[in-house]
Structures are given as C-alpha cells and as structure tokens.
Protein backbone atom coordinates (compact mmCIF):
# COMPACT_ATOMS: atom_id res chain seq x y z
CA MET A 1 142.78 18.17 54.71
CA ALA A 2 146.32 18.74 53.46
CA ARG A 3 147.18 22.05 51.89
CA HIS A 4 149.55 22.21 48.92
CA ARG A 5 152.62 24.43 48.97
CA GLY A 6 151.87 27.87 47.57
CA GLU A 7 148.20 27.62 48.30
CA PRO A 8 146.94 30.69 50.26
CA GLU A 9 146.03 30.12 53.90
CA PRO A 10 142.27 30.42 54.43
CA ALA A 11 141.12 33.46 56.40
CA ALA A 12 140.63 32.53 60.01
CA ALA A 13 137.53 33.61 61.80
CA ALA A 14 138.33 36.45 64.17
CA GLY A 15 135.13 36.33 66.11
CA PRO A 16 131.42 35.75 65.88
CA PRO A 17 129.51 38.14 63.66
CA ALA A 18 128.53 41.27 65.56
CA GLY A 19 124.93 42.36 65.35
CA ARG A 20 124.06 45.88 64.25
CA GLY A 21 123.16 46.88 67.82
CA GLU A 22 126.42 45.53 69.20
CA THR A 23 128.37 47.33 66.47
CA TRP A 24 126.87 50.70 67.37
CA ALA A 25 127.38 49.97 71.06
CA LEU A 26 131.08 49.39 70.36
CA TYR A 27 131.25 52.66 68.45
CA VAL A 28 129.79 54.53 71.42
CA VAL A 29 132.08 52.74 73.87
CA VAL A 30 135.24 53.49 71.90
CA PHE A 31 134.33 57.14 71.32
CA VAL A 32 133.39 57.85 74.95
CA CYS A 33 136.43 56.04 76.36
CA GLY A 34 138.72 58.04 74.06
CA ALA A 35 137.08 61.28 75.18
CA VAL A 36 137.29 60.40 78.88
CA LEU A 37 140.94 59.37 78.60
CA MET A 38 142.16 62.71 77.24
CA ALA A 39 139.84 64.77 79.43
CA PHE A 40 141.22 62.85 82.43
CA GLU A 41 144.77 63.69 81.35
CA MET A 42 143.94 67.38 80.98
CA VAL A 43 142.20 67.60 84.33
CA GLY A 44 145.07 65.64 85.87
CA SER A 45 147.15 68.80 85.68
CA ARG A 46 144.59 70.56 87.91
CA ILE A 47 144.78 67.67 90.40
CA LEU A 48 148.56 67.91 90.69
CA ALA A 49 148.89 71.71 90.54
CA PRO A 50 147.79 72.56 94.12
CA THR A 51 150.71 70.53 95.46
CA PHE A 52 153.34 70.54 92.72
CA GLY A 53 152.53 73.67 90.71
CA SER A 54 152.16 73.84 86.92
CA THR A 55 155.73 73.24 85.81
CA VAL A 56 157.09 71.41 82.81
CA PHE A 57 157.80 68.49 85.17
CA VAL A 58 154.11 68.16 85.97
CA TRP A 59 153.13 68.04 82.30
CA GLY A 60 156.01 65.77 81.38
CA SER A 61 155.06 63.36 84.16
CA LEU A 62 151.40 63.35 83.13
CA ILE A 63 152.07 62.74 79.46
CA GLY A 64 154.71 60.08 80.13
CA VAL A 65 152.54 58.16 82.60
CA PHE A 66 149.49 58.23 80.34
CA LEU A 67 151.52 57.02 77.36
CA ALA A 68 153.10 54.23 79.40
CA ALA A 69 149.69 53.20 80.70
CA LEU A 70 148.24 53.16 77.19
CA SER A 71 151.13 51.08 75.90
CA LEU A 72 150.60 48.45 78.58
CA GLY A 73 146.83 48.64 78.13
CA TYR A 74 147.10 47.93 74.40
CA LEU A 75 149.26 44.89 75.12
CA VAL A 76 147.15 43.44 77.93
CA GLY A 77 143.85 44.29 76.24
CA GLY A 78 144.81 42.53 73.02
CA ARG A 79 145.92 39.36 74.78
CA LEU A 80 142.89 39.26 77.06
CA ALA A 81 140.51 39.80 74.13
CA ASP A 82 141.96 36.79 72.31
CA ARG A 83 141.42 34.62 75.37
CA VAL A 84 137.98 35.87 76.45
CA PRO A 85 136.35 37.84 73.60
CA LYS A 86 133.21 38.72 75.55
CA PHE A 87 131.33 42.02 75.56
CA TRP A 88 130.56 41.67 79.26
CA LEU A 89 134.29 41.57 80.05
CA LEU A 90 134.83 44.80 78.09
CA GLY A 91 132.02 46.34 80.13
CA ALA A 92 133.66 45.20 83.36
CA ILE A 93 137.00 46.75 82.33
CA ILE A 94 135.32 50.09 81.60
CA ALA A 95 133.34 49.93 84.86
CA ALA A 96 136.55 49.33 86.82
CA ALA A 97 138.18 52.32 85.15
CA GLY A 98 135.16 54.47 85.96
CA LEU A 99 135.10 53.48 89.63
CA LEU A 100 138.84 54.11 89.98
CA ILE A 101 138.44 57.57 88.46
CA LEU A 102 135.60 58.29 90.90
CA VAL A 103 137.94 57.41 93.76
CA VAL A 104 140.66 59.87 92.66
CA PRO A 105 139.12 63.08 94.13
CA LEU A 106 138.70 61.35 97.50
CA PHE A 107 142.35 60.61 98.16
CA ALA A 108 144.31 62.75 95.66
CA PRO A 109 144.92 65.68 98.08
CA TYR A 110 146.24 63.34 100.79
CA SER A 111 148.36 61.32 98.35
CA CYS A 112 149.94 64.39 96.78
CA ARG A 113 150.76 65.94 100.16
CA TRP A 114 152.26 62.65 101.37
CA ILE A 115 154.47 62.39 98.29
CA ASP A 116 155.46 66.04 98.64
CA ARG A 117 156.46 65.52 102.29
CA SER A 118 158.44 62.37 101.47
CA SER A 119 160.12 64.58 98.84
CA PRO A 120 161.73 62.38 96.20
CA GLY A 121 162.59 65.74 94.61
CA HIS A 122 160.78 68.57 92.83
CA ARG A 123 161.23 66.76 89.50
CA LEU A 124 160.14 63.31 90.67
CA ASN A 125 157.28 64.30 92.99
CA PRO A 126 154.72 64.81 90.19
CA LEU A 127 155.94 61.64 88.44
CA PHE A 128 155.24 59.45 91.47
CA ALA A 129 151.90 61.17 92.04
CA SER A 130 150.92 60.64 88.40
CA MET A 131 151.77 56.96 88.60
CA LEU A 132 149.76 56.52 91.79
CA LEU A 133 146.68 58.42 90.66
CA PHE A 134 146.42 57.92 86.92
CA PHE A 135 148.30 54.83 85.76
CA VAL A 136 145.80 52.05 86.48
CA PRO A 137 142.61 53.73 85.19
CA SER A 138 144.48 54.91 82.08
CA MET A 139 145.81 51.40 81.47
CA LEU A 140 142.28 49.99 81.70
CA LEU A 141 141.07 52.57 79.17
CA GLY A 142 143.98 51.60 76.92
CA MET A 143 142.59 48.06 76.83
CA VAL A 144 139.32 49.21 75.25
CA SER A 145 140.41 49.77 71.64
CA PRO A 146 142.20 46.42 70.99
CA PHE A 147 139.41 44.60 72.83
CA SER A 148 136.80 46.31 70.67
CA VAL A 149 138.70 45.42 67.49
CA ARG A 150 138.67 41.75 68.52
CA LEU A 151 134.94 41.83 69.21
CA GLN A 152 134.09 43.64 65.98
CA ALA A 153 136.35 41.88 63.44
CA GLN A 154 134.80 38.87 61.73
CA SER A 155 137.82 37.74 59.75
CA VAL A 156 141.49 38.49 59.26
CA ALA A 157 140.64 39.86 55.82
CA THR A 158 138.61 42.71 57.33
CA MET A 159 140.77 43.31 60.42
CA GLY A 160 142.52 46.37 59.02
CA ASN A 161 139.26 48.11 58.13
CA VAL A 162 137.77 47.39 61.55
CA ALA A 163 140.89 48.53 63.43
CA GLY A 164 141.14 51.73 61.39
CA ARG A 165 137.49 52.60 61.96
CA LEU A 166 137.59 51.99 65.72
CA TYR A 167 140.90 53.74 66.31
CA SER A 168 139.63 56.68 64.27
CA LEU A 169 136.58 56.91 66.51
CA SER A 170 138.77 56.66 69.59
CA THR A 171 140.97 59.50 68.34
CA LEU A 172 137.95 61.66 67.51
CA GLY A 173 136.73 61.05 71.04
CA SER A 174 140.13 62.09 72.39
CA ILE A 175 139.92 65.34 70.42
CA VAL A 176 136.44 66.06 71.79
CA GLY A 177 137.57 65.20 75.33
CA THR A 178 140.61 67.46 75.08
CA MET A 179 138.61 70.40 73.79
CA ALA A 180 135.73 69.90 76.22
CA ALA A 181 138.06 69.71 79.23
CA THR A 182 140.15 72.69 78.11
CA PHE A 183 137.41 75.08 77.05
CA TRP A 184 134.48 73.99 79.17
CA PHE A 185 134.97 71.67 82.13
CA ILE A 186 138.17 73.13 83.65
CA PRO A 187 137.19 76.83 83.31
CA GLU A 188 133.58 76.33 84.41
CA TYR A 189 133.48 73.53 87.01
CA TYR A 190 135.30 72.32 90.08
CA THR A 191 138.02 69.77 89.40
CA SER A 192 136.25 67.18 91.56
CA THR A 193 133.02 67.73 89.62
CA THR A 194 134.79 67.19 86.31
CA VAL A 195 136.51 64.02 87.50
CA ARG A 196 133.25 62.63 88.81
CA ALA A 197 131.51 63.39 85.52
CA LEU A 198 134.20 61.43 83.69
CA GLY A 199 133.85 58.48 86.05
CA ILE A 200 130.05 58.44 85.73
CA ALA A 201 130.31 58.57 81.93
CA LEU A 202 132.41 55.39 81.98
CA VAL A 203 130.07 53.65 84.41
CA VAL A 204 127.06 54.43 82.21
CA VAL A 205 128.85 53.30 79.05
CA SER A 206 129.96 50.09 80.75
CA LEU A 207 126.31 49.11 81.13
CA LEU A 208 126.20 48.58 77.36
CA GLY A 209 128.57 45.68 77.84
CA MET A 210 126.54 44.23 80.67
CA ALA A 211 123.29 44.11 78.74
CA PRO A 212 122.21 40.43 78.56
CA ARG A 213 122.74 38.76 75.20
CA ARG A 214 121.25 35.42 76.21
CA ARG A 215 118.01 34.46 77.81
CA GLY A 216 118.28 33.72 81.48
CA LYS A 217 121.01 36.26 82.03
CA ALA A 218 118.72 39.25 82.59
CA LEU A 219 118.58 38.86 86.38
CA ALA A 220 122.34 38.60 86.81
CA ALA A 221 122.91 41.55 84.49
CA SER A 222 120.34 43.66 86.35
CA VAL A 223 121.90 42.85 89.73
CA GLY A 224 125.38 43.71 88.44
CA ALA A 225 124.22 46.98 86.91
CA ALA A 226 122.38 47.97 90.09
CA ALA A 227 125.42 47.21 92.24
CA LEU A 228 127.63 49.23 89.91
CA LEU A 229 125.32 52.23 89.97
CA VAL A 230 125.05 52.09 93.77
CA ALA A 231 128.85 52.01 94.10
CA ALA A 232 129.22 54.93 91.71
CA GLY A 233 126.54 56.88 93.55
CA VAL A 234 128.22 56.36 96.92
CA LEU A 235 131.58 57.54 95.55
CA CYS A 236 129.90 60.62 94.13
CA VAL A 237 128.22 61.71 97.36
CA LEU A 238 131.23 61.20 99.63
CA PRO A 239 132.70 64.58 100.65
CA THR A 240 135.77 65.65 98.70
CA PRO A 241 138.70 66.88 100.81
CA SER A 242 139.99 70.36 100.14
CA TYR A 243 143.29 70.86 98.38
CA ILE A 244 143.99 73.75 100.76
CA GLN A 245 145.69 72.43 103.88
CA LEU A 246 144.60 74.46 106.91
CA GLU A 247 146.54 74.88 110.12
CA PRO A 248 144.74 75.02 113.50
CA GLY A 249 142.69 78.21 113.78
CA GLU A 250 142.62 78.90 110.04
CA LYS A 251 139.35 79.13 108.14
CA LEU A 252 138.70 78.47 104.46
CA VAL A 253 136.79 81.43 103.04
CA ALA A 254 136.70 80.47 99.36
CA GLU A 255 138.16 77.90 97.01
CA ALA A 256 138.00 77.92 93.22
CA ASP A 257 139.52 76.39 90.13
CA SER A 258 140.49 78.56 87.21
CA PRO A 259 141.97 77.82 83.80
CA TYR A 260 145.40 78.55 85.31
CA GLN A 261 145.51 77.35 88.92
CA HIS A 262 143.72 76.27 92.06
CA ILE A 263 142.95 79.31 94.21
CA GLY A 264 142.20 79.49 97.90
CA VAL A 265 141.25 82.37 100.20
CA VAL A 266 142.15 81.61 103.82
CA LEU A 267 141.48 83.54 107.04
CA LEU A 268 144.37 83.31 109.52
CA PRO A 269 144.75 84.41 113.18
CA ARG A 270 147.63 86.82 113.81
CA GLY A 271 149.11 88.20 117.02
CA SER A 272 148.69 86.66 120.46
CA GLY A 273 146.02 86.78 123.14
CA ASP A 274 142.27 87.30 122.74
CA ASP A 275 142.49 91.06 123.17
CA THR A 276 145.25 91.68 120.64
CA LYS A 277 144.46 89.01 118.09
CA GLN A 278 144.49 90.17 114.49
CA TRP A 279 143.25 88.37 111.43
CA SER A 280 144.71 88.31 107.97
CA LEU A 281 143.26 87.16 104.67
CA ARG A 282 145.52 85.24 102.34
CA MET A 283 145.19 84.35 98.67
CA VAL A 284 146.93 81.14 97.67
CA PHE A 285 147.78 79.99 94.15
CA ASP A 286 148.19 76.20 94.25
CA LYS A 287 150.52 75.87 97.25
CA TYR A 288 152.09 79.32 97.01
CA ILE A 289 151.13 82.48 98.92
CA GLU A 290 150.18 85.27 96.53
CA SER A 291 148.67 88.09 98.63
CA GLU A 292 147.79 88.73 102.26
CA ILE A 293 146.14 91.68 104.00
CA LEU A 294 144.96 92.48 107.52
CA VAL A 295 141.17 92.31 107.95
CA GLN A 296 138.51 93.20 110.50
CA GLY A 297 136.51 90.39 112.07
CA ASP A 298 136.87 86.62 112.03
CA ASP A 299 133.62 85.68 110.29
CA PRO A 300 134.29 84.60 106.68
CA GLN A 301 130.89 86.01 105.71
CA THR A 302 131.46 89.54 107.00
CA ILE A 303 135.22 90.18 106.94
CA ARG A 304 136.50 93.32 105.26
CA PRO A 305 139.93 94.95 104.87
CA ARG A 306 141.16 96.70 107.98
CA GLU A 307 141.55 100.47 108.00
CA PRO A 308 144.11 101.66 107.20
CA TYR A 309 144.60 99.14 104.42
CA GLU A 310 147.73 97.11 105.15
CA SER A 311 149.53 94.25 103.47
CA TRP A 312 150.68 91.48 105.79
CA ALA A 313 153.01 90.15 103.09
CA LYS A 314 155.68 92.79 103.53
CA TYR A 315 157.46 92.06 100.26
CA THR A 316 154.96 94.50 98.72
CA ASP A 317 156.79 97.33 100.52
CA THR A 318 159.72 96.77 98.16
CA LEU A 319 157.49 97.55 95.17
CA HIS A 320 157.74 101.24 96.08
CA LEU A 321 161.44 101.31 95.16
CA PRO A 322 160.79 102.81 91.67
CA TRP A 323 159.82 106.07 93.40
CA LEU A 324 163.45 106.49 94.45
CA PHE A 325 164.28 106.95 90.77
CA ASN A 326 161.22 108.76 89.41
CA ARG A 327 159.37 110.94 91.88
CA ASP A 328 157.19 112.51 89.18
CA ALA A 329 155.55 109.34 87.84
CA ARG A 330 151.99 109.76 86.57
CA SER A 331 151.25 106.30 85.13
CA VAL A 332 151.89 102.78 86.39
CA LEU A 333 151.47 99.37 84.78
CA ILE A 334 151.29 96.35 87.09
CA VAL A 335 151.62 92.91 85.48
CA GLY A 336 150.22 90.34 87.87
CA GLY A 337 147.33 91.70 89.91
CA GLY A 338 146.96 88.94 92.50
CA GLY A 339 144.81 90.17 95.37
CA GLY A 340 145.01 93.75 94.09
CA VAL A 341 147.08 94.83 97.10
CA VAL A 342 149.73 96.83 95.24
CA PRO A 343 147.34 98.89 93.07
CA THR A 344 145.12 99.51 96.10
CA ILE A 345 148.03 100.88 98.17
CA TYR A 346 149.40 102.82 95.18
CA ARG A 347 146.02 104.47 94.69
CA ARG A 348 145.96 105.55 98.34
CA ASP A 349 149.59 106.65 98.67
CA TYR A 350 150.14 108.36 95.30
CA PRO A 351 147.10 110.52 94.46
CA GLN A 352 149.13 112.24 91.75
CA LEU A 353 148.90 109.09 89.60
CA GLU A 354 146.60 109.60 86.65
CA ARG A 355 146.27 105.92 85.76
CA ILE A 356 147.08 102.56 87.30
CA ASP A 357 146.63 99.78 84.77
CA VAL A 358 146.61 96.22 86.11
CA VAL A 359 147.04 93.22 83.82
CA GLU A 360 145.90 89.90 85.29
CA ILE A 361 145.64 86.76 83.19
CA ASP A 362 143.23 84.93 85.51
CA PRO A 363 139.63 86.23 85.66
CA VAL A 364 138.90 84.21 88.80
CA VAL A 365 141.78 85.91 90.63
CA ALA A 366 140.46 89.33 89.63
CA GLU A 367 136.97 88.40 90.84
CA LEU A 368 138.23 87.16 94.23
CA ALA A 369 140.40 90.27 94.64
CA GLU A 370 137.32 92.48 94.26
CA ARG A 371 135.15 90.31 96.48
CA TYR A 372 137.48 89.84 99.44
CA PHE A 373 140.58 92.07 99.22
CA GLY A 374 139.10 95.53 98.75
CA TYR A 375 140.35 95.92 95.19
CA ARG A 376 138.26 98.49 93.29
CA PRO A 377 139.01 98.68 89.57
CA GLY A 378 137.10 101.31 87.66
CA GLU A 379 137.60 103.89 90.41
CA ASN A 380 140.14 106.72 90.50
CA GLY A 381 141.99 105.72 87.35
CA VAL A 382 142.47 102.05 88.26
CA THR A 383 141.76 99.58 85.43
CA THR A 384 141.98 95.80 85.09
CA THR A 385 142.64 93.98 81.84
CA ILE A 386 142.26 90.21 81.73
CA MET A 387 145.11 89.23 79.44
CA ASP A 388 148.54 87.67 79.36
CA GLY A 389 151.06 90.32 80.42
CA ARG A 390 153.33 89.82 77.45
CA VAL A 391 150.50 90.10 74.96
CA TYR A 392 149.31 93.30 76.64
CA ILE A 393 152.75 94.91 76.58
CA ARG A 394 153.32 93.86 72.99
CA ASP A 395 150.05 95.38 71.77
CA CYS A 396 149.71 98.34 74.16
CA PRO A 397 150.20 101.69 72.36
CA ARG A 398 150.93 103.81 75.45
CA GLN A 399 154.02 104.30 77.58
CA TYR A 400 154.31 104.17 81.37
CA ASP A 401 156.47 105.89 83.94
CA ILE A 402 156.64 102.75 86.13
CA VAL A 403 156.19 99.10 85.10
CA ILE A 404 155.97 96.53 87.91
CA LEU A 405 156.39 92.86 86.94
CA ASP A 406 154.93 90.73 89.72
CA ALA A 407 153.29 87.81 87.92
CA PHE A 408 153.79 84.37 89.42
CA THR A 409 152.72 80.83 88.58
CA GLY A 410 154.01 77.71 90.26
CA GLY A 411 156.03 79.82 92.69
CA ARG A 412 158.00 81.66 90.01
CA PRO A 413 157.34 84.11 87.19
CA PRO A 414 156.35 82.50 83.87
CA PHE A 415 159.44 82.06 81.71
CA HIS A 416 158.06 84.18 78.87
CA LEU A 417 157.94 87.16 81.24
CA LEU A 418 161.65 86.83 82.03
CA THR A 419 163.39 86.69 78.69
CA ARG A 420 165.48 89.29 76.88
CA GLU A 421 162.86 89.59 74.15
CA PHE A 422 160.17 90.36 76.72
CA LEU A 423 162.30 92.94 78.52
CA GLN A 424 162.94 94.61 75.18
CA LEU A 425 159.18 94.91 74.75
CA VAL A 426 158.94 96.39 78.25
CA LYS A 427 161.70 98.89 77.48
CA GLY A 428 159.71 100.05 74.47
CA ARG A 429 156.73 100.80 76.75
CA LEU A 430 158.72 102.90 79.23
CA GLY A 431 158.47 106.67 79.09
CA PRO A 432 161.51 108.98 78.96
CA LYS A 433 161.92 108.65 82.73
CA GLY A 434 160.60 105.09 82.87
CA VAL A 435 161.47 102.57 85.59
CA VAL A 436 160.85 98.82 85.46
CA HIS A 437 160.72 96.72 88.62
CA LEU A 438 160.84 92.89 88.60
CA ASN A 439 160.11 90.78 91.68
CA ILE A 440 161.57 87.26 91.77
CA ILE A 441 162.27 84.67 94.46
CA SER A 442 165.84 83.45 94.47
CA ALA A 443 168.97 83.11 96.56
CA LEU A 444 171.94 85.38 95.96
CA GLU A 445 174.55 82.66 96.24
CA GLY A 446 174.83 78.92 95.82
CA GLU A 447 172.61 76.30 94.18
CA LYS A 448 169.40 78.32 94.53
CA SER A 449 170.83 81.49 92.99
CA ARG A 450 170.77 80.53 89.31
CA LEU A 451 167.55 82.41 88.58
CA PHE A 452 168.94 85.59 90.13
CA TRP A 453 172.23 85.53 88.22
CA ALA A 454 170.46 84.75 84.94
CA MET A 455 167.95 87.58 85.45
CA LEU A 456 170.70 90.03 86.39
CA LYS A 457 172.66 89.18 83.25
CA THR A 458 169.47 89.43 81.17
CA PHE A 459 168.69 92.87 82.64
CA HIS A 460 172.24 93.97 81.89
CA SER A 461 171.83 92.85 78.28
CA VAL A 462 168.73 95.05 77.82
CA PHE A 463 169.18 98.06 80.11
CA GLY A 464 172.91 98.01 80.76
CA PRO A 465 174.74 97.31 84.06
CA GLU A 466 174.97 101.00 84.89
CA ARG A 467 171.14 101.35 84.87
CA THR A 468 170.34 98.15 86.80
CA TYR A 469 169.93 97.98 90.58
CA VAL A 470 169.50 94.98 92.90
CA PHE A 471 167.53 95.11 96.18
CA PRO A 472 167.30 91.73 97.94
CA LYS A 473 164.99 91.45 100.94
CA LEU A 474 167.86 90.41 103.18
CA TYR A 475 166.19 91.61 106.34
CA ASP A 476 162.64 90.89 107.54
CA PRO A 477 161.62 93.78 109.83
CA ARG A 478 158.56 91.96 111.19
CA TRP A 479 160.54 89.03 112.60
CA GLY A 480 163.86 90.83 113.01
CA GLN A 481 165.67 88.19 110.98
CA THR A 482 168.48 88.47 108.47
CA LYS A 483 168.24 86.03 105.57
CA ASP A 484 171.00 83.64 104.60
CA ARG A 485 172.21 84.66 101.14
CA ARG A 486 171.97 81.01 100.07
CA ASP A 487 168.24 80.79 100.86
CA GLY A 488 165.40 81.85 98.64
CA MET A 489 164.12 85.39 99.24
CA ASN A 490 162.39 88.21 97.40
CA VAL A 491 164.91 89.89 95.13
CA GLU A 492 163.95 93.12 93.38
CA LEU A 493 165.61 94.14 90.13
CA VAL A 494 165.06 97.77 89.16
CA ALA A 495 166.19 99.18 85.81
CA LEU A 496 166.02 102.67 84.33
CA ASN A 497 165.27 103.83 80.82
CA PHE A 498 167.35 106.96 81.37
CA ASP A 499 170.59 108.20 82.87
CA ASP A 500 170.24 109.24 86.49
CA ALA A 501 172.36 111.94 88.17
CA GLU A 502 175.16 109.38 88.25
CA ASN A 503 175.41 106.06 86.46
CA PRO A 504 175.13 103.95 88.46
CA LEU A 505 173.73 105.91 91.38
CA PRO A 506 175.97 105.26 94.42
CA LYS A 507 174.56 103.29 97.32
CA ALA A 508 174.88 106.29 99.64
CA ALA A 509 172.84 108.43 97.23
CA ILE A 510 170.08 105.80 97.07
CA GLU A 511 169.92 105.65 100.86
CA ALA A 512 169.82 109.45 101.07
CA ARG A 513 166.90 109.59 98.63
CA ALA A 514 165.01 107.04 100.70
CA ARG A 515 165.47 109.08 103.88
CA GLU A 516 164.46 112.26 102.05
CA ARG A 517 161.32 110.86 100.44
CA VAL A 518 159.98 108.57 103.16
CA GLY A 519 156.91 110.10 104.80
CA SER A 520 156.51 112.87 102.22
CA LEU A 521 156.39 110.97 98.92
CA ILE A 522 156.75 107.33 99.96
CA LYS A 523 154.46 106.38 102.87
CA ILE A 524 156.21 103.05 103.57
CA PRO A 525 158.63 103.51 106.52
CA SER A 526 160.59 100.36 105.68
CA ILE A 527 161.66 101.81 102.33
CA THR A 528 164.82 103.12 104.01
CA ARG A 529 165.74 99.62 105.10
CA HIS A 530 165.10 98.23 101.63
CA ALA A 531 167.28 100.96 100.14
CA GLU A 532 170.06 99.94 102.51
CA ASN A 533 169.84 96.40 101.14
CA HIS A 534 170.98 97.62 97.71
CA GLN A 535 173.76 95.39 96.36
CA THR A 536 176.37 96.67 93.95
CA MET A 537 178.16 94.31 91.58
CA ALA A 538 181.12 94.43 93.95
CA ASP A 539 178.84 93.28 96.79
CA LEU A 540 177.29 90.52 94.70
CA LEU A 541 180.64 89.23 93.48
CA ALA A 542 182.13 89.46 97.00
CA LYS A 543 184.96 91.62 95.71
CA ASN A 544 185.85 92.78 99.22
CA ASP A 545 185.42 89.41 100.90
CA PRO A 546 188.61 88.11 102.52
CA SER A 547 187.80 84.57 101.35
CA ALA A 548 189.37 83.95 97.95
CA GLU A 549 187.26 80.80 97.56
CA ARG A 550 184.03 82.77 98.06
CA ARG A 551 185.15 85.34 95.49
CA ARG A 552 185.93 82.58 92.97
CA GLU A 553 182.60 80.90 93.64
CA ARG A 554 180.68 84.12 92.91
CA GLU A 555 182.70 84.68 89.74
CA ARG A 556 181.89 81.15 88.59
CA GLU A 557 178.17 81.67 89.23
CA TRP A 558 178.18 84.93 87.30
CA ALA A 559 180.17 83.48 84.41
CA ALA A 560 177.88 80.42 84.16
CA ALA A 561 174.65 82.44 84.17
CA PRO A 562 172.90 82.48 80.78
CA ILE A 563 171.01 85.36 79.24
CA LEU A 564 167.41 84.16 79.23
CA THR A 565 165.82 84.12 75.80
CA ASP A 566 162.61 82.84 74.28
CA ASP A 567 164.68 79.95 72.96
CA TYR A 568 166.38 79.13 76.27
CA ALA A 569 164.89 79.89 79.69
CA PRO A 570 165.05 76.76 81.91
CA VAL A 571 163.54 78.47 84.95
CA ASP A 572 161.38 75.44 85.86
CA ASN A 573 164.61 73.56 86.45
CA TRP A 574 165.91 76.04 89.03
CA VAL A 575 164.81 75.44 92.60
CA THR A 576 164.50 78.80 94.32
CA ASP A 577 162.22 78.27 97.32
C-alpha cells in the first residue's frame, strides 16, 4: 500500500516477542558477561607481570587491547544479530569465549616468554602479548550486548529503553567484576584459579542460550551441553605451567600471587663438584631477583639459612655504607623488606641498634621471608609494618638515624618513592645525624643512565650537592669483573642531613673511614672496595678525561636530566637493566 508524503513510517518489528524466562536469561547473561570481561582485564595484569613487570606499558597495552576488542565486538555482534537473531547463537559465542579463557593459563607463560625473547621492545612486548592472549575472547564478549539488544527489542519504538536497560546491567556487572577481582580473587587465589573460574562462569551461562526452545531439539541441546562441559572440564584439569622458568638443577620451593606481583622462591645449586656444592635460596618478584641467601641442604621441605647467615646477592653489602657517615646510629628504617636479608644482617652485625623498622607493602612477601629466609620480626627490636613506604614515612611521628630505600617493583623503584616531594618527606624523618641511602639500578653513562642522572639531580635539589655521595657497584668481587659504565648496575646514592667534617667529604677520607671501621664496626669486608667506588661530580662528568667528546656527552646528560616530581617522573620509560 502506498504511503503519502509526510506520513510517519510504521515501526518495524525488531524481533519476536521475548518470553519472561528468556528476558531474565538475557539479563543474567549480560550481567555475568560484563563482570567476567572486567575481571579478565584486571587479572590480565597478573598474567603479564611475571614476564613484563607491572609498568605503565603493561596497563596501557591491556586497556587499549580490551577497548579495541570491544569496539570490534560491538560492530560484529550487531551485524551478526541482525542476520541470525537466535538465542542459541548467543550461547555459542559465550561458550567460545569461555573456552578460550580456559585455554589462557595453559599457554600464557610460554607465549609471554617467547614474545620477550623475540623482543619487539620493552614497550611493545606487553602489547603483542595482550593481543595474543586477550583480544579474541574480549571481542566475543563485546558481541554479547548488541546481540542481546537485538533479541530483546520488539520494535524500533522500544529499542532505546531495551538498549539502556541491557547496557546498564552490563556496566553493573563490569563494576562487580572489577571489585571482585581487585579485592577478592587476585589477593586470595592463584591467577590460574581465577582465570578458570571466569571461563567456567561463561560456559555455565552459555547453557542458558542452548536450552531448547522447540520440541525435538532437546537431544541436540543436551549433547551440545554435555560436550561443552566435558571440554571445559578437561581444560580445567590440565596442569598449568609455572610462570617461574627454572634452569637445570633448580627447584621451585614456593610460588604465590599477591595483590602486587607474582612471587617465586627458588632453590639453586652453587659452587662446583659434589663435595663443595652450595645451595642458595632466591626470592623472585615477577622476573626480577629480589633476595638470595645461602642455605643448608637441598630439600625444599627442610632447607634453612646457612650459618653464618650470608647474602648471595652481594649488592646488600653496599647497604652498610651509611655507617661510614654515622657510626653512632641507634635506629634504622628499611623501606622494602624483600626476603628480610638486610634487617637480619643488621640485627646480627649492629647490636647497638635499638630498633629496626621494616616497611613492606606486600603481606605475601613478608610471610615468605619469615617462612624461608630466616627473617624474625618481633625479636630484638625488629618490626614489620605492612604499608606503602611513602604513606608510612608521611604519617610516622618518629625520626631515624638511617633510612634505607630499597623498594622495587617491575625491576625499578616505584616512581612515587623517587620524587622530590617524597625525599622531602624522608628528610623530615631523619634525625640530626640522619643518613638516607637509596638503591637503584642504572648505568652511569649513555642511554641507560637517565634514571641515575635524574635521581642525582633530585637528591641535589633536596639535600644539596655537598651532602650527596654516589657509590656505583662498578666491581663485582665474586666474579672479579669490572662493570661497563654504560651497563645497568646497582648504584647507591647516600645523602646526609648534616654537615660532615668536610662538605663534601673527600674520597680519600671516605676510603680511610672504611679501612678504619671494617671489622670493628662494619663486619662486611667488601665495604672498603665499595668506598673506593665513590664517584665525585668530577668523576661522573669526566672532567679529567682526555676525550673532549666524552666530557661533552656527560655534560649533556647532566643538563638534560629532570628533577623527578610527583607531576613528572617517567621512570617506566627508562630502560636500566
């Protein structure tokens, strides 16, 4: 029948009327899929962290890939729903997403390590891994909302109401999924367990779409549901590979997820020959070594720290440098407890200390330190506080003679523990003869030195150049090797809250103090070597180097270094290892 000009177009039917049961089924589907999607994104950070750390590039890659997948899913889901508006097809899409999510824990460790070895770059590595692991299941979940709108809407006139209601439910589900993953699943359960729970939730919800809506379809629906459940069950019982990559002879003692990182405790053979073989115990945060001590025995069930207690990671010897500047210290604050090695050695070597306060943000790390590394808080003035280091220093009412900053995440200190504002807080917690010691990993020259130059300039801005000292670990006494100044190494920055005998103390005077105090006050023989590594500004800027080009290069690096602030501290962008 012809329609006259100006006459409104009749509302077109958008789909067959949905029954009350089907409507509630769609509500459940949309809510659960929204919850799983965001929980999957949150737990995705824990999947990537063991290989790529927890940098801004990891989070940026995750968020970007999930948004791109959703965008494509909305487009494809809407078009497919118009062509085949069937509830069973929606169920099949959700089932496929669930099975793909169940597969992720089985090959994620291998995929991430392969991408890391192929090394597109520290920025692009997590992006490629995110695309490989998360794009397709996220795209399938993105198809759910437009598909559900098409199934639910009965006419164009009610389309807006239907779309608003379903997208609201999806968003509420996303909120629940985000909160549940953040405050419950990630802190309490293994990452693989959480991922499997998400996959199973989708598989179960998909069965709502496979329920027969016509007579004669019950058998086919039952067979499909049984096959789906069998496939999901098989994927759930397959062993999940460890994120900790072991070398021949190494043994995995413990592995745990925390709200902050993936933690491993590994037993390693040291030395050579059966008669002289030693064993060490290492704590690993994601892919980075945090602590390592020598232990007795090679049975993971019965190992214990060797006597005398000794750190295999010899960078900890440098953390005794503050005693060259304050021999009368009575209180120490250590930010970043790790395996508890430093407070344990401090307690043994400096009985005059009245208190050793350790601040560790990760409760799982503190628990593993007590269980395996011989750390004993609560004894002889040693305390542990589970808190962010900056928050502790901001709110702490007491002052300390020595403050050691040794907190690491993703292979580098967190940016908020490196800024001028933070160091000003630290300065306010130092006693009249207070010394602060910061451990970083950086080169001294070249592309990998930007963190060092920025930290040195930031220290100068707070404590002054005449009260700041630099001790790079240029020489490794265990291996007899001298480091290339352009390679990453432990660099110790020490600053004083007071004027020493001379400002700055000459290099010869520092070396003389080390020789005088080693053995009597400082029990670490290598302290003399670390004192010899002291670099003056003239050394750092190559003032006495015959190469004019090298002198100009150092001057350019120093001039380009920013003072790190809460507003600008791009440390994730600086490759140092």
